[in-house]
Every structure is written in C-alpha cells, then in structure tokens.
N, C-alpha and C. Protein backbone atom coordinates (compact mmCIF):
# COMPACT_ATOMS: atom_id res chain seq x y z
N SER A 1 -50.11 190.33 -18.99
CA SER A 1 -49.90 189.53 -17.81
C SER A 1 -48.77 190.11 -16.98
N GLY A 2 -48.87 190.02 -15.68
CA GLY A 2 -47.90 190.60 -14.78
C GLY A 2 -46.52 190.02 -14.91
N VAL A 3 -46.43 188.74 -15.29
CA VAL A 3 -45.14 188.09 -15.37
C VAL A 3 -44.36 188.59 -16.58
N THR A 4 -45.06 188.86 -17.67
CA THR A 4 -44.36 189.25 -18.88
C THR A 4 -44.16 190.74 -19.02
N ASP A 5 -44.75 191.54 -18.17
CA ASP A 5 -44.59 192.99 -18.32
C ASP A 5 -43.47 193.54 -17.44
N GLY A 6 -42.66 192.66 -16.85
CA GLY A 6 -41.52 193.10 -16.09
C GLY A 6 -41.81 193.40 -14.63
N SER A 7 -43.04 193.21 -14.18
CA SER A 7 -43.37 193.56 -12.80
C SER A 7 -43.07 192.43 -11.82
N THR A 8 -42.68 191.28 -12.30
CA THR A 8 -42.35 190.09 -11.51
C THR A 8 -43.50 189.63 -10.62
N ARG A 9 -44.71 190.04 -10.89
CA ARG A 9 -45.86 189.58 -10.12
C ARG A 9 -46.69 188.64 -10.98
N TYR A 10 -47.16 187.58 -10.39
CA TYR A 10 -48.08 186.67 -11.06
C TYR A 10 -49.41 186.86 -10.35
N ARG A 11 -50.40 187.37 -11.06
CA ARG A 11 -51.67 187.74 -10.44
C ARG A 11 -52.71 186.64 -10.56
N VAL A 12 -53.20 186.22 -9.40
CA VAL A 12 -54.23 185.18 -9.30
C VAL A 12 -55.47 185.81 -8.67
N MET A 13 -56.62 185.55 -9.28
CA MET A 13 -57.89 186.06 -8.75
C MET A 13 -58.83 184.88 -8.52
N THR A 14 -59.29 184.74 -7.28
CA THR A 14 -60.31 183.74 -6.97
C THR A 14 -61.66 184.45 -7.08
N VAL A 15 -62.66 183.74 -7.63
CA VAL A 15 -63.93 184.39 -7.91
C VAL A 15 -65.10 183.47 -7.52
N CYS A 16 -66.03 184.02 -6.74
CA CYS A 16 -67.27 183.31 -6.42
C CYS A 16 -68.45 184.23 -6.72
N THR A 17 -69.55 184.05 -6.03
CA THR A 17 -70.74 184.85 -6.32
C THR A 17 -70.66 186.21 -5.63
N GLY A 18 -70.76 186.23 -4.30
CA GLY A 18 -70.82 187.49 -3.58
C GLY A 18 -69.53 187.95 -2.97
N ASN A 19 -68.48 187.08 -3.00
CA ASN A 19 -67.16 187.43 -2.51
C ASN A 19 -67.10 187.56 -0.98
N ILE A 20 -67.89 186.70 -0.29
CA ILE A 20 -67.80 186.70 1.17
C ILE A 20 -67.50 185.32 1.75
N CYS A 21 -67.57 184.26 0.94
CA CYS A 21 -67.31 182.90 1.45
C CYS A 21 -66.17 182.23 0.69
N ARG A 22 -66.52 181.63 -0.46
CA ARG A 22 -65.57 180.78 -1.18
C ARG A 22 -64.34 181.51 -1.69
N SER A 23 -64.51 182.62 -2.40
CA SER A 23 -63.32 183.26 -2.99
C SER A 23 -62.38 183.85 -1.93
N PRO A 24 -62.88 184.49 -0.87
CA PRO A 24 -61.91 184.94 0.14
C PRO A 24 -61.25 183.77 0.87
N MET A 25 -61.99 182.68 1.08
CA MET A 25 -61.38 181.49 1.70
C MET A 25 -60.26 180.97 0.81
N ALA A 26 -60.52 180.87 -0.49
CA ALA A 26 -59.51 180.37 -1.42
C ALA A 26 -58.30 181.29 -1.46
N ALA A 27 -58.53 182.60 -1.42
CA ALA A 27 -57.41 183.54 -1.44
C ALA A 27 -56.53 183.38 -0.21
N VAL A 28 -57.14 183.20 0.95
CA VAL A 28 -56.38 183.01 2.19
C VAL A 28 -55.53 181.74 2.11
N VAL A 29 -56.14 180.64 1.66
CA VAL A 29 -55.41 179.37 1.55
C VAL A 29 -54.27 179.50 0.53
N LEU A 30 -54.54 180.11 -0.62
CA LEU A 30 -53.50 180.22 -1.64
C LEU A 30 -52.36 181.13 -1.20
N ARG A 31 -52.67 182.23 -0.54
CA ARG A 31 -51.59 183.09 -0.04
C ARG A 31 -50.67 182.29 0.89
N ASP A 32 -51.28 181.50 1.76
CA ASP A 32 -50.53 180.66 2.70
C ASP A 32 -49.66 179.66 1.94
N ARG A 33 -50.23 178.98 0.96
CA ARG A 33 -49.48 177.97 0.20
C ARG A 33 -48.36 178.60 -0.63
N PHE A 34 -48.63 179.75 -1.25
CA PHE A 34 -47.58 180.42 -2.03
C PHE A 34 -46.44 180.84 -1.11
N GLU A 35 -46.78 181.34 0.06
CA GLU A 35 -45.75 181.75 1.04
C GLU A 35 -44.90 180.54 1.42
N LYS A 36 -45.54 179.43 1.74
CA LYS A 36 -44.80 178.22 2.15
C LYS A 36 -43.97 177.65 1.02
N ALA A 37 -44.38 177.90 -0.23
CA ALA A 37 -43.65 177.39 -1.40
C ALA A 37 -42.55 178.35 -1.85
N GLY A 38 -42.37 179.46 -1.11
CA GLY A 38 -41.35 180.43 -1.46
C GLY A 38 -41.76 181.35 -2.61
N LEU A 39 -43.04 181.40 -2.92
CA LEU A 39 -43.53 182.24 -4.01
C LEU A 39 -44.33 183.43 -3.51
N GLY A 40 -44.31 183.67 -2.21
CA GLY A 40 -45.09 184.76 -1.63
C GLY A 40 -44.74 186.13 -2.18
N ASP A 41 -43.49 186.30 -2.61
CA ASP A 41 -43.08 187.59 -3.16
C ASP A 41 -43.48 187.78 -4.61
N VAL A 42 -43.84 186.70 -5.29
CA VAL A 42 -44.19 186.80 -6.71
C VAL A 42 -45.66 186.58 -7.00
N ALA A 43 -46.30 185.73 -6.22
CA ALA A 43 -47.71 185.43 -6.47
C ALA A 43 -48.59 186.37 -5.65
N GLU A 44 -49.40 187.12 -6.34
CA GLU A 44 -50.32 188.06 -5.72
C GLU A 44 -51.73 187.49 -5.86
N VAL A 45 -52.41 187.30 -4.75
CA VAL A 45 -53.73 186.68 -4.78
C VAL A 45 -54.78 187.66 -4.28
N ASP A 46 -55.86 187.78 -5.03
CA ASP A 46 -56.97 188.63 -4.64
C ASP A 46 -58.25 187.83 -4.83
N ALA A 47 -59.35 188.35 -4.28
CA ALA A 47 -60.64 187.67 -4.36
C ALA A 47 -61.73 188.67 -4.73
N THR A 48 -62.61 188.25 -5.62
CA THR A 48 -63.74 189.08 -6.03
C THR A 48 -64.95 188.19 -6.25
N GLY A 49 -66.06 188.83 -6.58
CA GLY A 49 -67.29 188.12 -6.88
C GLY A 49 -67.83 188.51 -8.23
N ILE A 50 -68.75 187.72 -8.73
CA ILE A 50 -69.44 188.00 -10.00
C ILE A 50 -70.55 189.02 -9.75
N SER A 51 -71.12 188.98 -8.56
CA SER A 51 -72.24 189.84 -8.20
C SER A 51 -71.77 190.97 -7.28
N ASP A 52 -72.54 192.04 -7.24
CA ASP A 52 -72.22 193.11 -6.29
C ASP A 52 -73.20 193.12 -5.11
N GLU A 53 -73.96 192.03 -4.95
CA GLU A 53 -74.98 191.98 -3.90
C GLU A 53 -74.42 192.10 -2.50
N GLU A 54 -73.18 191.72 -2.29
CA GLU A 54 -72.56 191.80 -0.95
C GLU A 54 -71.54 192.93 -0.87
N HIS A 55 -71.53 193.83 -1.84
CA HIS A 55 -70.51 194.88 -1.91
C HIS A 55 -70.27 195.54 -0.54
N GLY A 56 -68.99 195.53 -0.14
CA GLY A 56 -68.60 196.15 1.12
C GLY A 56 -68.72 195.26 2.34
N SER A 57 -69.35 194.09 2.19
CA SER A 57 -69.52 193.18 3.34
C SER A 57 -68.19 192.51 3.70
N PRO A 58 -68.01 192.19 4.98
CA PRO A 58 -66.81 191.45 5.39
C PRO A 58 -66.95 189.97 5.04
N ILE A 59 -65.89 189.23 5.23
CA ILE A 59 -65.94 187.78 5.04
C ILE A 59 -67.01 187.20 5.99
N ASP A 60 -67.73 186.21 5.52
CA ASP A 60 -68.78 185.56 6.31
C ASP A 60 -68.17 185.06 7.63
N PRO A 61 -68.85 185.30 8.77
CA PRO A 61 -68.30 184.86 10.07
C PRO A 61 -68.01 183.36 10.12
N ARG A 62 -68.82 182.57 9.42
CA ARG A 62 -68.59 181.11 9.41
C ARG A 62 -67.30 180.78 8.65
N ALA A 63 -67.02 181.53 7.58
CA ALA A 63 -65.77 181.34 6.83
C ALA A 63 -64.58 181.76 7.69
N ARG A 64 -64.74 182.87 8.38
CA ARG A 64 -63.69 183.36 9.28
C ARG A 64 -63.38 182.29 10.35
N ARG A 65 -64.44 181.71 10.93
CA ARG A 65 -64.25 180.71 11.98
C ARG A 65 -63.52 179.47 11.46
N VAL A 66 -63.92 178.96 10.29
CA VAL A 66 -63.30 177.74 9.79
C VAL A 66 -61.84 177.99 9.40
N LEU A 67 -61.54 179.15 8.83
CA LEU A 67 -60.15 179.46 8.49
C LEU A 67 -59.31 179.56 9.76
N ALA A 68 -59.80 180.28 10.75
CA ALA A 68 -59.06 180.44 12.01
C ALA A 68 -58.86 179.09 12.70
N ALA A 69 -59.89 178.25 12.68
CA ALA A 69 -59.80 176.93 13.32
C ALA A 69 -58.74 176.05 12.65
N HIS A 70 -58.45 176.32 11.39
CA HIS A 70 -57.44 175.54 10.67
C HIS A 70 -56.10 176.27 10.61
N GLY A 71 -55.94 177.32 11.42
CA GLY A 71 -54.66 177.99 11.55
C GLY A 71 -54.32 179.03 10.50
N TYR A 72 -55.31 179.45 9.72
CA TYR A 72 -55.05 180.48 8.71
C TYR A 72 -55.27 181.86 9.29
N PRO A 73 -54.42 182.81 8.94
CA PRO A 73 -54.67 184.19 9.33
C PRO A 73 -55.83 184.72 8.49
N VAL A 74 -56.74 185.45 9.08
CA VAL A 74 -57.89 185.97 8.33
C VAL A 74 -57.76 187.49 8.25
N PRO A 75 -57.38 187.97 7.06
CA PRO A 75 -57.20 189.42 6.91
C PRO A 75 -58.54 190.13 6.81
N GLU A 76 -58.49 191.44 6.93
CA GLU A 76 -59.68 192.24 6.68
C GLU A 76 -60.06 192.06 5.22
N HIS A 77 -61.34 192.03 4.96
CA HIS A 77 -61.81 191.81 3.59
C HIS A 77 -63.13 192.56 3.40
N ARG A 78 -63.28 193.17 2.25
CA ARG A 78 -64.53 193.82 1.88
C ARG A 78 -64.93 193.30 0.51
N ALA A 79 -66.11 192.74 0.42
CA ALA A 79 -66.59 192.14 -0.83
C ALA A 79 -66.69 193.18 -1.94
N ARG A 80 -66.33 192.74 -3.14
CA ARG A 80 -66.47 193.60 -4.31
C ARG A 80 -66.63 192.74 -5.56
N ARG A 81 -67.17 193.39 -6.57
CA ARG A 81 -67.42 192.72 -7.85
C ARG A 81 -66.20 192.88 -8.75
N ILE A 82 -65.85 191.84 -9.49
CA ILE A 82 -64.73 191.91 -10.42
C ILE A 82 -65.10 192.81 -11.60
N THR A 83 -64.12 193.52 -12.10
CA THR A 83 -64.34 194.40 -13.26
C THR A 83 -63.75 193.75 -14.51
N ARG A 84 -64.21 194.22 -15.66
CA ARG A 84 -63.67 193.73 -16.94
C ARG A 84 -62.15 193.97 -17.00
N ALA A 85 -61.70 195.12 -16.52
CA ALA A 85 -60.26 195.42 -16.52
C ALA A 85 -59.50 194.43 -15.65
N GLU A 86 -60.05 194.09 -14.48
CA GLU A 86 -59.37 193.13 -13.60
C GLU A 86 -59.28 191.75 -14.25
N VAL A 87 -60.32 191.36 -14.98
CA VAL A 87 -60.28 190.07 -15.67
C VAL A 87 -59.09 190.05 -16.62
N ARG A 88 -58.90 191.11 -17.39
CA ARG A 88 -57.80 191.18 -18.36
C ARG A 88 -56.43 191.22 -17.70
N GLU A 89 -56.35 191.75 -16.48
CA GLU A 89 -55.06 191.93 -15.80
C GLU A 89 -54.55 190.68 -15.11
N GLN A 90 -55.38 189.66 -14.96
CA GLN A 90 -54.98 188.47 -14.20
C GLN A 90 -54.19 187.49 -15.05
N ASP A 91 -53.27 186.80 -14.39
CA ASP A 91 -52.54 185.73 -15.05
C ASP A 91 -53.30 184.42 -14.92
N LEU A 92 -54.09 184.29 -13.85
CA LEU A 92 -54.90 183.09 -13.61
C LEU A 92 -56.16 183.50 -12.88
N LEU A 93 -57.30 183.13 -13.45
CA LEU A 93 -58.60 183.39 -12.83
C LEU A 93 -59.16 182.05 -12.36
N LEU A 94 -59.50 181.96 -11.08
CA LEU A 94 -59.95 180.71 -10.48
C LEU A 94 -61.40 180.84 -10.00
N PRO A 95 -62.36 180.60 -10.91
CA PRO A 95 -63.76 180.61 -10.51
C PRO A 95 -64.08 179.38 -9.67
N MET A 96 -65.07 179.53 -8.78
CA MET A 96 -65.48 178.43 -7.92
C MET A 96 -66.45 177.48 -8.61
N THR A 97 -67.18 177.97 -9.63
CA THR A 97 -68.18 177.13 -10.30
C THR A 97 -68.14 177.34 -11.81
N ALA A 98 -68.78 176.42 -12.53
CA ALA A 98 -68.89 176.55 -13.98
C ALA A 98 -69.64 177.83 -14.35
N SER A 99 -70.62 178.19 -13.56
CA SER A 99 -71.37 179.42 -13.80
C SER A 99 -70.47 180.64 -13.67
N HIS A 100 -69.63 180.66 -12.66
CA HIS A 100 -68.68 181.77 -12.49
C HIS A 100 -67.70 181.80 -13.66
N ALA A 101 -67.27 180.62 -14.12
CA ALA A 101 -66.34 180.55 -15.25
C ALA A 101 -66.97 181.15 -16.51
N ARG A 102 -68.24 180.81 -16.77
CA ARG A 102 -68.93 181.37 -17.94
C ARG A 102 -69.00 182.90 -17.84
N ALA A 103 -69.30 183.41 -16.67
CA ALA A 103 -69.39 184.87 -16.49
C ALA A 103 -68.03 185.52 -16.73
N LEU A 104 -66.96 184.90 -16.25
CA LEU A 104 -65.62 185.46 -16.45
C LEU A 104 -65.22 185.42 -17.92
N ARG A 105 -65.52 184.32 -18.60
CA ARG A 105 -65.19 184.22 -20.03
C ARG A 105 -65.94 185.27 -20.82
N ALA A 106 -67.18 185.53 -20.44
CA ALA A 106 -67.97 186.57 -21.12
C ALA A 106 -67.36 187.95 -20.88
N LEU A 107 -66.92 188.20 -19.65
CA LEU A 107 -66.27 189.47 -19.35
C LEU A 107 -64.94 189.61 -20.08
N ALA A 108 -64.24 188.49 -20.25
CA ALA A 108 -62.93 188.51 -20.91
C ALA A 108 -63.07 188.97 -22.36
N ALA A 109 -64.08 188.44 -23.04
CA ALA A 109 -64.34 188.78 -24.44
C ALA A 109 -63.08 188.71 -25.29
N ASP A 110 -62.19 187.78 -24.95
CA ASP A 110 -60.92 187.63 -25.66
C ASP A 110 -60.44 186.21 -25.37
N ASP A 111 -60.12 185.45 -26.43
CA ASP A 111 -59.75 184.05 -26.25
C ASP A 111 -58.51 183.87 -25.38
N ASP A 112 -57.52 184.75 -25.54
CA ASP A 112 -56.30 184.63 -24.75
C ASP A 112 -56.60 184.80 -23.26
N VAL A 113 -57.42 185.79 -22.94
CA VAL A 113 -57.80 186.02 -21.55
C VAL A 113 -58.69 184.87 -21.06
N ALA A 114 -59.63 184.43 -21.88
CA ALA A 114 -60.53 183.35 -21.49
C ALA A 114 -59.77 182.07 -21.16
N ARG A 115 -58.61 181.85 -21.80
CA ARG A 115 -57.80 180.65 -21.51
C ARG A 115 -57.21 180.69 -20.11
N ARG A 116 -57.16 181.86 -19.49
CA ARG A 116 -56.62 181.98 -18.13
C ARG A 116 -57.68 181.65 -17.07
N VAL A 117 -58.90 181.35 -17.50
CA VAL A 117 -59.99 180.97 -16.59
C VAL A 117 -59.93 179.47 -16.40
N ARG A 118 -59.64 179.04 -15.17
CA ARG A 118 -59.55 177.61 -14.86
C ARG A 118 -60.30 177.36 -13.56
N LEU A 119 -61.25 176.45 -13.59
CA LEU A 119 -61.99 176.13 -12.36
C LEU A 119 -61.00 175.72 -11.27
N LEU A 120 -61.18 176.26 -10.09
CA LEU A 120 -60.28 175.98 -8.98
C LEU A 120 -60.10 174.48 -8.77
N ARG A 121 -61.20 173.73 -8.78
CA ARG A 121 -61.09 172.29 -8.50
C ARG A 121 -60.48 171.51 -9.65
N SER A 122 -60.26 172.14 -10.81
CA SER A 122 -59.58 171.42 -11.90
C SER A 122 -58.13 171.12 -11.51
N PHE A 123 -57.64 171.76 -10.47
CA PHE A 123 -56.28 171.52 -9.98
C PHE A 123 -56.22 170.46 -8.88
N ASP A 124 -57.37 169.90 -8.51
CA ASP A 124 -57.43 168.85 -7.50
C ASP A 124 -57.32 167.51 -8.22
N PRO A 125 -56.21 166.77 -8.00
CA PRO A 125 -56.04 165.51 -8.72
C PRO A 125 -57.13 164.47 -8.41
N ALA A 126 -57.82 164.61 -7.28
CA ALA A 126 -58.87 163.65 -6.92
C ALA A 126 -60.26 164.07 -7.42
N ALA A 127 -60.36 165.29 -7.97
CA ALA A 127 -61.67 165.77 -8.45
C ALA A 127 -61.99 165.11 -9.78
N PRO A 128 -63.29 164.97 -10.09
CA PRO A 128 -63.67 164.33 -11.35
C PRO A 128 -63.21 165.16 -12.55
N GLN A 129 -62.43 164.57 -13.42
CA GLN A 129 -61.91 165.27 -14.61
C GLN A 129 -62.57 164.69 -15.86
N GLY A 130 -62.71 165.52 -16.87
CA GLY A 130 -63.19 165.04 -18.15
C GLY A 130 -64.69 165.08 -18.34
N GLY A 131 -65.42 165.40 -17.30
CA GLY A 131 -66.88 165.47 -17.41
C GLY A 131 -67.33 166.91 -17.59
N PRO A 132 -68.63 167.13 -17.42
CA PRO A 132 -69.13 168.51 -17.49
C PRO A 132 -68.47 169.38 -16.42
N GLU A 133 -68.24 170.65 -16.75
CA GLU A 133 -67.56 171.55 -15.83
C GLU A 133 -68.22 171.62 -14.45
N HIS A 134 -69.55 171.56 -14.40
CA HIS A 134 -70.22 171.74 -13.11
C HIS A 134 -69.85 170.68 -12.09
N LEU A 135 -69.29 169.56 -12.54
CA LEU A 135 -68.84 168.53 -11.60
C LEU A 135 -67.66 169.01 -10.76
N LEU A 136 -67.03 170.08 -11.19
CA LEU A 136 -65.89 170.64 -10.47
C LEU A 136 -66.27 171.85 -9.62
N ASP A 137 -67.56 172.10 -9.46
CA ASP A 137 -68.00 173.24 -8.64
C ASP A 137 -67.56 173.05 -7.19
N VAL A 138 -67.06 174.13 -6.60
CA VAL A 138 -66.78 174.14 -5.16
C VAL A 138 -68.13 174.33 -4.47
N ASP A 139 -68.40 173.48 -3.47
CA ASP A 139 -69.67 173.56 -2.75
C ASP A 139 -69.91 174.96 -2.20
N ASP A 140 -71.15 175.44 -2.32
CA ASP A 140 -71.52 176.75 -1.78
C ASP A 140 -72.01 176.55 -0.35
N PRO A 141 -71.25 177.02 0.63
CA PRO A 141 -71.61 176.79 2.03
C PRO A 141 -72.64 177.78 2.57
N TRP A 142 -72.97 178.82 1.82
CA TRP A 142 -73.78 179.92 2.28
C TRP A 142 -75.08 179.49 2.94
N TYR A 143 -75.78 178.53 2.34
CA TYR A 143 -77.12 178.15 2.81
C TYR A 143 -77.10 177.11 3.92
N GLY A 144 -75.92 176.62 4.27
CA GLY A 144 -75.86 175.56 5.28
C GLY A 144 -75.30 176.04 6.60
N ASP A 145 -74.81 175.08 7.36
CA ASP A 145 -74.24 175.39 8.67
C ASP A 145 -72.71 175.37 8.60
N GLN A 146 -72.08 175.41 9.73
CA GLN A 146 -70.62 175.45 9.81
C GLN A 146 -69.98 174.26 9.09
N ALA A 147 -70.61 173.10 9.11
CA ALA A 147 -70.06 171.91 8.46
C ALA A 147 -69.84 172.13 6.96
N GLY A 148 -70.72 172.91 6.34
CA GLY A 148 -70.56 173.21 4.92
C GLY A 148 -69.28 173.98 4.63
N PHE A 149 -68.88 174.83 5.56
CA PHE A 149 -67.65 175.59 5.39
C PHE A 149 -66.43 174.69 5.50
N GLU A 150 -66.54 173.63 6.34
CA GLU A 150 -65.46 172.63 6.43
C GLU A 150 -65.29 171.92 5.08
N VAL A 151 -66.41 171.56 4.44
CA VAL A 151 -66.37 170.89 3.14
C VAL A 151 -65.72 171.81 2.10
N THR A 152 -66.16 173.06 2.08
CA THR A 152 -65.63 174.03 1.13
C THR A 152 -64.13 174.21 1.33
N LEU A 153 -63.69 174.35 2.57
CA LEU A 153 -62.27 174.51 2.85
C LEU A 153 -61.49 173.29 2.38
N ALA A 154 -62.01 172.10 2.62
CA ALA A 154 -61.33 170.87 2.19
C ALA A 154 -61.19 170.83 0.67
N GLU A 155 -62.22 171.26 -0.06
CA GLU A 155 -62.16 171.28 -1.52
C GLU A 155 -61.11 172.28 -2.00
N ILE A 156 -61.05 173.42 -1.37
CA ILE A 156 -60.06 174.44 -1.73
C ILE A 156 -58.65 173.94 -1.44
N GLU A 157 -58.46 173.39 -0.25
CA GLU A 157 -57.13 172.89 0.14
C GLU A 157 -56.67 171.77 -0.80
N ALA A 158 -57.59 170.92 -1.25
CA ALA A 158 -57.22 169.81 -2.13
C ALA A 158 -56.69 170.29 -3.48
N ALA A 159 -57.10 171.48 -3.90
CA ALA A 159 -56.65 172.02 -5.18
C ALA A 159 -55.43 172.93 -5.04
N ALA A 160 -55.14 173.39 -3.84
CA ALA A 160 -54.13 174.44 -3.63
C ALA A 160 -52.74 174.06 -4.10
N ASP A 161 -52.27 172.86 -3.80
CA ASP A 161 -50.92 172.48 -4.21
C ASP A 161 -50.80 172.42 -5.73
N GLY A 162 -51.85 171.95 -6.41
CA GLY A 162 -51.84 171.92 -7.87
C GLY A 162 -51.76 173.31 -8.46
N ILE A 163 -52.43 174.26 -7.82
CA ILE A 163 -52.38 175.65 -8.28
C ILE A 163 -50.97 176.21 -8.09
N VAL A 164 -50.37 175.94 -6.93
CA VAL A 164 -49.01 176.40 -6.67
C VAL A 164 -48.06 175.84 -7.73
N GLU A 165 -48.19 174.56 -8.04
CA GLU A 165 -47.30 173.94 -9.03
C GLU A 165 -47.54 174.52 -10.42
N HIS A 166 -48.80 174.81 -10.75
CA HIS A 166 -49.12 175.44 -12.03
C HIS A 166 -48.44 176.80 -12.14
N VAL A 167 -48.54 177.60 -11.09
CA VAL A 167 -47.94 178.93 -11.09
C VAL A 167 -46.41 178.81 -11.15
N ARG A 168 -45.86 177.88 -10.41
CA ARG A 168 -44.40 177.66 -10.44
C ARG A 168 -43.97 177.32 -11.87
N ALA A 169 -44.70 176.44 -12.54
CA ALA A 169 -44.39 176.05 -13.91
C ALA A 169 -44.52 177.24 -14.86
N GLU A 170 -45.57 178.03 -14.69
CA GLU A 170 -45.76 179.21 -15.55
C GLU A 170 -44.60 180.19 -15.35
N LEU A 171 -44.20 180.40 -14.12
CA LEU A 171 -43.09 181.31 -13.84
C LEU A 171 -41.79 180.79 -14.43
N ALA A 172 -41.65 179.47 -14.48
CA ALA A 172 -40.45 178.85 -15.05
C ALA A 172 -40.55 178.76 -16.57
N GLY A 173 -41.72 179.11 -17.11
CA GLY A 173 -41.92 179.02 -18.55
C GLY A 173 -42.12 177.60 -19.02
N ASP A 174 -42.53 176.72 -18.11
CA ASP A 174 -42.69 175.31 -18.44
C ASP A 174 -44.13 174.90 -18.18
N GLU A 175 -45.02 175.27 -19.09
CA GLU A 175 -46.42 174.94 -18.90
C GLU A 175 -46.68 173.44 -18.99
N GLY A 176 -45.71 172.70 -19.51
CA GLY A 176 -45.88 171.25 -19.64
C GLY A 176 -46.05 170.56 -18.30
N ARG A 177 -45.58 171.17 -17.22
CA ARG A 177 -45.73 170.56 -15.90
C ARG A 177 -47.07 170.87 -15.28
N ALA A 178 -47.81 171.79 -15.88
CA ALA A 178 -49.11 172.17 -15.31
C ALA A 178 -50.11 171.06 -15.51
N PRO A 179 -51.03 170.86 -14.56
CA PRO A 179 -52.05 169.82 -14.72
C PRO A 179 -52.85 170.06 -15.99
N ALA A 180 -53.05 169.01 -16.75
CA ALA A 180 -53.79 169.15 -18.01
C ALA A 180 -55.24 168.74 -17.83
N ASP A 181 -56.08 169.42 -18.54
CA ASP A 181 -57.51 169.04 -18.59
C ASP A 181 -57.59 167.87 -19.57
N LYS A 182 -58.02 166.71 -19.10
CA LYS A 182 -58.03 165.52 -19.93
C LYS A 182 -58.94 165.62 -21.14
N THR A 183 -59.88 166.55 -21.11
CA THR A 183 -60.78 166.71 -22.26
C THR A 183 -60.19 167.64 -23.29
N GLY A 184 -59.12 168.35 -22.93
CA GLY A 184 -58.57 169.33 -23.84
C GLY A 184 -59.34 170.63 -23.84
N ARG A 185 -60.42 170.65 -23.06
CA ARG A 185 -61.27 171.84 -23.01
C ARG A 185 -60.59 172.91 -22.16
N VAL A 186 -60.71 174.14 -22.60
CA VAL A 186 -60.17 175.26 -21.82
C VAL A 186 -61.02 175.42 -20.58
N ARG A 187 -60.38 175.44 -19.43
CA ARG A 187 -61.13 175.61 -18.18
C ARG A 187 -60.85 176.99 -17.69
C-alpha cells in the first residue's frame, strides 16, 4: 500500500465497466472532495474499467456535461482496463457495482487485497446497508438520457464525504472511524 511504503500517497481507484461514465465521474468528484478536505496532496485518485471495450475513448459527453454543469473541472481522460498489478497497488478500490466488485476480488486473488474492495455506495449513509451487494450498485447512465447522469452524479456525491472520512481515518491509523458494513461482510 502506498501509505505504508513511505511514499505518502493513498491510492484510490474507481472502477466501472468501460471507464467512460461512472468511474471517471467518481474520480473527478473524489479529487475535488479530497482537495477541499486538505488531502489533495496525499490522496491519488484514478479511474479504470473492468472491460477494455472502450479502450482509448474519452469520457462520455453526457458525463462531461453533467460534471461541468455542477462546477467540476473535467480533465482529459482515456478509458483503460484495470490490470492485476494495479489492483494490488491500490489502498482502496471503489467498484460501482457488485459485479465490478466480484471481478476485482477475482483479480486480487489475495484476501488482504480483496478487503480493499469496497462498493462506492457503501460509503453513502443513506444507501441501503446490510442487504445483497447489488442494492448498492451505482446506476448505469449509459443507456439513458442526460437525466440518468444526474442520478449517477448524485449517488457518487452522496458517498464522497464518507470516502474522504474513511481515507482520513486510514491515514491517521484509526480505522475505527471508518463506516462499517453492518453485515460484517467485506465490501
């Protein structure tokens, strides 16, 4: 992990399917929140996908529009698939869906690494906790219109402060302040 190897970086990876909608949106929101929380110099956020179907594609124009409309800077982005090495290098992996989480845990092939996989919405205090993982899926806006991207952004924003607090607690060595999964299940 980046925090324990002396590099003073805490690496967060957001992960969706093709890496053109949800994960880049989440990365933009989290970078903004970490910056505002004074953690911009320590928290490094990147975005990848489980699939390589969109490899090299820019962020979806609808995602770009919704981020810009809400005042977020939209950096250049090129979609790419996460690698097994990247899974191992992250301090926190934030999949958008239960399906993405299963794929990441399979790539991790290590219980310690698999424990760093936490569904993004598990950090939203208003999201349903304790049920099946798929209840925490971030809506996929790809097949809908612009309104779907508003819903997705709202779901990401609702979890962002919890993620910032989790990272702050991890950096302080106080995992007790991190939001707990009420089922005890590793997310």
